[in-house]
Amino acid sequence: MSKKEKEKEKDALKVSPAKSLVDELDLLEVLLRQIAETYLARVTEELKQVRSQIYNLALEEEIPTEKIKDIREMLTQLRSLQTRPEKGRRKDLKKMDDTIQDLRHYVESW
């Protein structure tokens, strides 16, 4: 093997792990997007279900007192939710997810 061929082989070895890493990072990005889209779809669907149940309740002529209390508590919880969407933080997603879960528990108990 000539000196030039040995140098090419060394260069190929240097590039190979870096290329592999780039490929893995590309795969990670695809997975991140898939997981984010699936998560968003699930949480959005849960929110739509809660909204639908509350909308149907709003159509009733007379709402029971216990549900009115729940509605007030739900309003308070939603109004006190503090997020900073411009930061894109997981903790804001967690707060929103927890809030939606709490709202689901209210409407499921009706």
C-alpha atoms as a PDB file:
ATOM      1  CA  MET A   1       0.000   0.000   0.000  1.00  0.00           C
ATOM      2  CA  SER A   2       1.405   3.360  -0.978  1.00  0.00           C
ATOM      3  CA  LYS A   3       1.785   6.266   1.387  1.00  0.00           C
ATOM      4  CA  LYS A   4      -0.954   8.167  -0.450  1.00  0.00           C
ATOM      5  CA  GLU A   5      -3.404   5.261  -0.081  1.00  0.00           C
ATOM      6  CA  LYS A   6      -2.643   4.996   3.644  1.00  0.00           C
ATOM      7  CA  GLU A   7      -3.385   8.701   4.070  1.00  0.00           C
ATOM      8  CA  LYS A   8      -6.691   8.314   2.217  1.00  0.00           C
ATOM      9  CA  GLU A   9      -7.623   5.422   4.473  1.00  0.00           C
ATOM     10  CA  LYS A  10      -6.803   7.495   7.578  1.00  0.00           C
ATOM     11  CA  ASP A  11      -8.888  10.378   6.212  1.00  0.00           C
ATOM     12  CA  ALA A  12     -11.777   8.003   5.529  1.00  0.00           C
ATOM     13  CA  LEU A  13     -11.650   6.754   9.116  1.00  0.00           C
ATOM     14  CA  LYS A  14     -11.708  10.316  10.416  1.00  0.00           C
ATOM     15  CA  VAL A  15     -14.745  11.152   8.317  1.00  0.00           C
ATOM     16  CA  SER A  16     -16.611   7.921   8.903  1.00  0.00           C
ATOM     17  CA  PRO A  17     -17.484   8.409  12.616  1.00  0.00           C
ATOM     18  CA  ALA A  18     -18.448  12.013  11.950  1.00  0.00           C
ATOM     19  CA  LYS A  19     -20.673  10.974   9.045  1.00  0.00           C
ATOM     20  CA  SER A  20     -22.242   8.288  11.198  1.00  0.00           C
ATOM     21  CA  LEU A  21     -22.919  10.841  13.893  1.00  0.00           C
ATOM     22  CA  VAL A  22     -24.528  13.209  11.396  1.00  0.00           C
ATOM     23  CA  ASP A  23     -26.743  10.353  10.187  1.00  0.00           C
ATOM     24  CA  GLU A  24     -27.763   9.554  13.753  1.00  0.00           C
ATOM     25  CA  LEU A  25     -28.534  13.210  14.438  1.00  0.00           C
ATOM     26  CA  ASP A  26     -30.720  13.302  11.324  1.00  0.00           C
ATOM     27  CA  LEU A  27     -32.569  10.253  12.601  1.00  0.00           C
ATOM     28  CA  LEU A  28     -32.980  11.890  16.010  1.00  0.00           C
ATOM     29  CA  GLU A  29     -34.522  14.945  14.364  1.00  0.00           C
ATOM     30  CA  VAL A  30     -37.028  12.767  12.490  1.00  0.00           C
ATOM     31  CA  LEU A  31     -37.942  10.949  15.702  1.00  0.00           C
ATOM     32  CA  LEU A  32     -38.318  14.230  17.567  1.00  0.00           C
ATOM     33  CA  ARG A  33     -40.721  15.539  14.946  1.00  0.00           C
ATOM     34  CA  GLN A  34     -42.747  12.305  14.923  1.00  0.00           C
ATOM     35  CA  ILE A  35     -43.047  12.249  18.700  1.00  0.00           C
ATOM     36  CA  ALA A  36     -43.947  15.952  18.859  1.00  0.00           C
ATOM     37  CA  GLU A  37     -46.638  15.536  16.190  1.00  0.00           C
ATOM     38  CA  THR A  38     -48.120  12.484  17.915  1.00  0.00           C
ATOM     39  CA  TYR A  39     -48.072  14.211  21.299  1.00  0.00           C
ATOM     40  CA  LEU A  40     -49.707  17.334  19.889  1.00  0.00           C
ATOM     41  CA  ALA A  41     -52.411  15.280  18.174  1.00  0.00           C
ATOM     42  CA  ARG A  42     -53.194  13.393  21.405  1.00  0.00           C
ATOM     43  CA  VAL A  43     -53.368  16.474  23.618  1.00  0.00           C
ATOM     44  CA  THR A  44     -55.394  18.396  21.025  1.00  0.00           C
ATOM     45  CA  GLU A  45     -57.894  15.548  20.817  1.00  0.00           C
ATOM     46  CA  GLU A  46     -58.252  15.449  24.601  1.00  0.00           C
ATOM     47  CA  LEU A  47     -58.849  19.198  24.642  1.00  0.00           C
ATOM     48  CA  LYS A  48     -61.498  18.868  21.915  1.00  0.00           C
ATOM     49  CA  GLN A  49     -63.282  16.171  23.912  1.00  0.00           C
ATOM     50  CA  VAL A  50     -63.365  18.356  27.029  1.00  0.00           C
ATOM     51  CA  ARG A  51     -64.572  21.329  25.008  1.00  0.00           C
ATOM     52  CA  SER A  52     -67.303  19.231  23.379  1.00  0.00           C
ATOM     53  CA  GLN A  53     -68.626  18.019  26.735  1.00  0.00           C
ATOM     54  CA  ILE A  54     -68.646  21.536  28.165  1.00  0.00           C
ATOM     55  CA  TYR A  55     -70.299  22.897  25.020  1.00  0.00           C
ATOM     56  CA  ASN A  56     -73.058  20.277  25.309  1.00  0.00           C
ATOM     57  CA  LEU A  57     -73.507  21.248  28.940  1.00  0.00           C
ATOM     58  CA  ALA A  58     -73.790  24.915  27.946  1.00  0.00           C
ATOM     59  CA  LEU A  59     -76.695  23.999  25.671  1.00  0.00           C
ATOM     60  CA  GLU A  60     -78.712  22.663  28.591  1.00  0.00           C
ATOM     61  CA  GLU A  61     -81.376  24.971  29.943  1.00  0.00           C
ATOM     62  CA  GLU A  62     -80.505  24.361  33.550  1.00  0.00           C
ATOM     63  CA  ILE A  63     -77.023  23.413  34.739  1.00  0.00           C
ATOM     64  CA  PRO A  64     -76.815  21.599  38.086  1.00  0.00           C
ATOM     65  CA  THR A  65     -75.158  23.512  40.931  1.00  0.00           C
ATOM     66  CA  GLU A  66     -72.345  20.967  41.329  1.00  0.00           C
ATOM     67  CA  LYS A  67     -71.387  21.397  37.672  1.00  0.00           C
ATOM     68  CA  ILE A  68     -71.455  25.183  37.985  1.00  0.00           C
ATOM     69  CA  LYS A  69     -68.969  24.885  40.843  1.00  0.00           C
ATOM     70  CA  ASP A  70     -66.779  22.652  38.698  1.00  0.00           C
ATOM     71  CA  ILE A  71     -67.012  25.130  35.822  1.00  0.00           C
ATOM     72  CA  ARG A  72     -65.888  27.956  38.077  1.00  0.00           C
ATOM     73  CA  GLU A  73     -62.944  25.925  39.307  1.00  0.00           C
ATOM     74  CA  MET A  74     -62.042  25.024  35.723  1.00  0.00           C
ATOM     75  CA  LEU A  75     -62.192  28.681  34.691  1.00  0.00           C
ATOM     76  CA  THR A  76     -59.980  29.666  37.593  1.00  0.00           C
ATOM     77  CA  GLN A  77     -57.478  26.966  36.682  1.00  0.00           C
ATOM     78  CA  LEU A  78     -57.374  28.017  33.027  1.00  0.00           C
ATOM     79  CA  ARG A  79     -57.064  31.700  33.822  1.00  0.00           C
ATOM     80  CA  SER A  80     -54.226  31.106  36.255  1.00  0.00           C
ATOM     81  CA  LEU A  81     -52.231  29.048  33.743  1.00  0.00           C
ATOM     82  CA  GLN A  82     -49.028  30.940  33.049  1.00  0.00           C
ATOM     83  CA  THR A  83     -46.914  29.960  30.096  1.00  0.00           C
ATOM     84  CA  ARG A  84     -44.303  31.570  27.886  1.00  0.00           C
ATOM     85  CA  PRO A  85     -44.845  30.095  24.428  1.00  0.00           C
ATOM     86  CA  GLU A  86     -42.006  32.107  22.916  1.00  0.00           C
ATOM     87  CA  LYS A  87     -39.544  30.109  25.028  1.00  0.00           C
ATOM     88  CA  GLY A  88     -40.789  26.712  23.857  1.00  0.00           C
ATOM     89  CA  ARG A  89     -40.212  25.062  27.230  1.00  0.00           C
ATOM     90  CA  ARG A  90     -41.160  21.513  28.183  1.00  0.00           C
ATOM     91  CA  LYS A  91     -42.359  22.784  31.534  1.00  0.00           C
ATOM     92  CA  ASP A  92     -45.033  24.861  29.762  1.00  0.00           C
ATOM     93  CA  LEU A  93     -46.165  21.804  27.822  1.00  0.00           C
ATOM     94  CA  LYS A  94     -46.311  19.892  31.098  1.00  0.00           C
ATOM     95  CA  LYS A  95     -48.428  22.610  32.730  1.00  0.00           C
ATOM     96  CA  MET A  96     -50.823  22.602  29.804  1.00  0.00           C
ATOM     97  CA  ASP A  97     -50.997  18.811  29.701  1.00  0.00           C
ATOM     98  CA  ASP A  98     -51.666  18.673  33.443  1.00  0.00           C
ATOM     99  CA  THR A  99     -54.379  21.314  33.116  1.00  0.00           C
ATOM    100  CA  ILE A 100     -56.100  19.404  30.326  1.00  0.00           C
ATOM    101  CA  GLN A 101     -55.940  16.228  32.399  1.00  0.00           C
ATOM    102  CA  ASP A 102     -57.505  18.059  35.343  1.00  0.00           C
ATOM    103  CA  LEU A 103     -60.290  19.359  33.097  1.00  0.00           C
ATOM    104  CA  ARG A 104     -60.869  15.832  31.805  1.00  0.00           C
ATOM    105  CA  HIS A 105     -61.270  14.565  35.353  1.00  0.00           C
ATOM    106  CA  TYR A 106     -63.921  17.192  36.033  1.00  0.00           C
ATOM    107  CA  VAL A 107     -66.019  16.359  32.977  1.00  0.00           C
ATOM    108  CA  GLU A 108     -65.564  12.610  33.370  1.00  0.00           C
ATOM    109  CA  SER A 109     -66.995  12.832  36.885  1.00  0.00           C
ATOM    110  CA  TRP A 110     -70.230  14.303  35.526  1.00  0.00           C
END
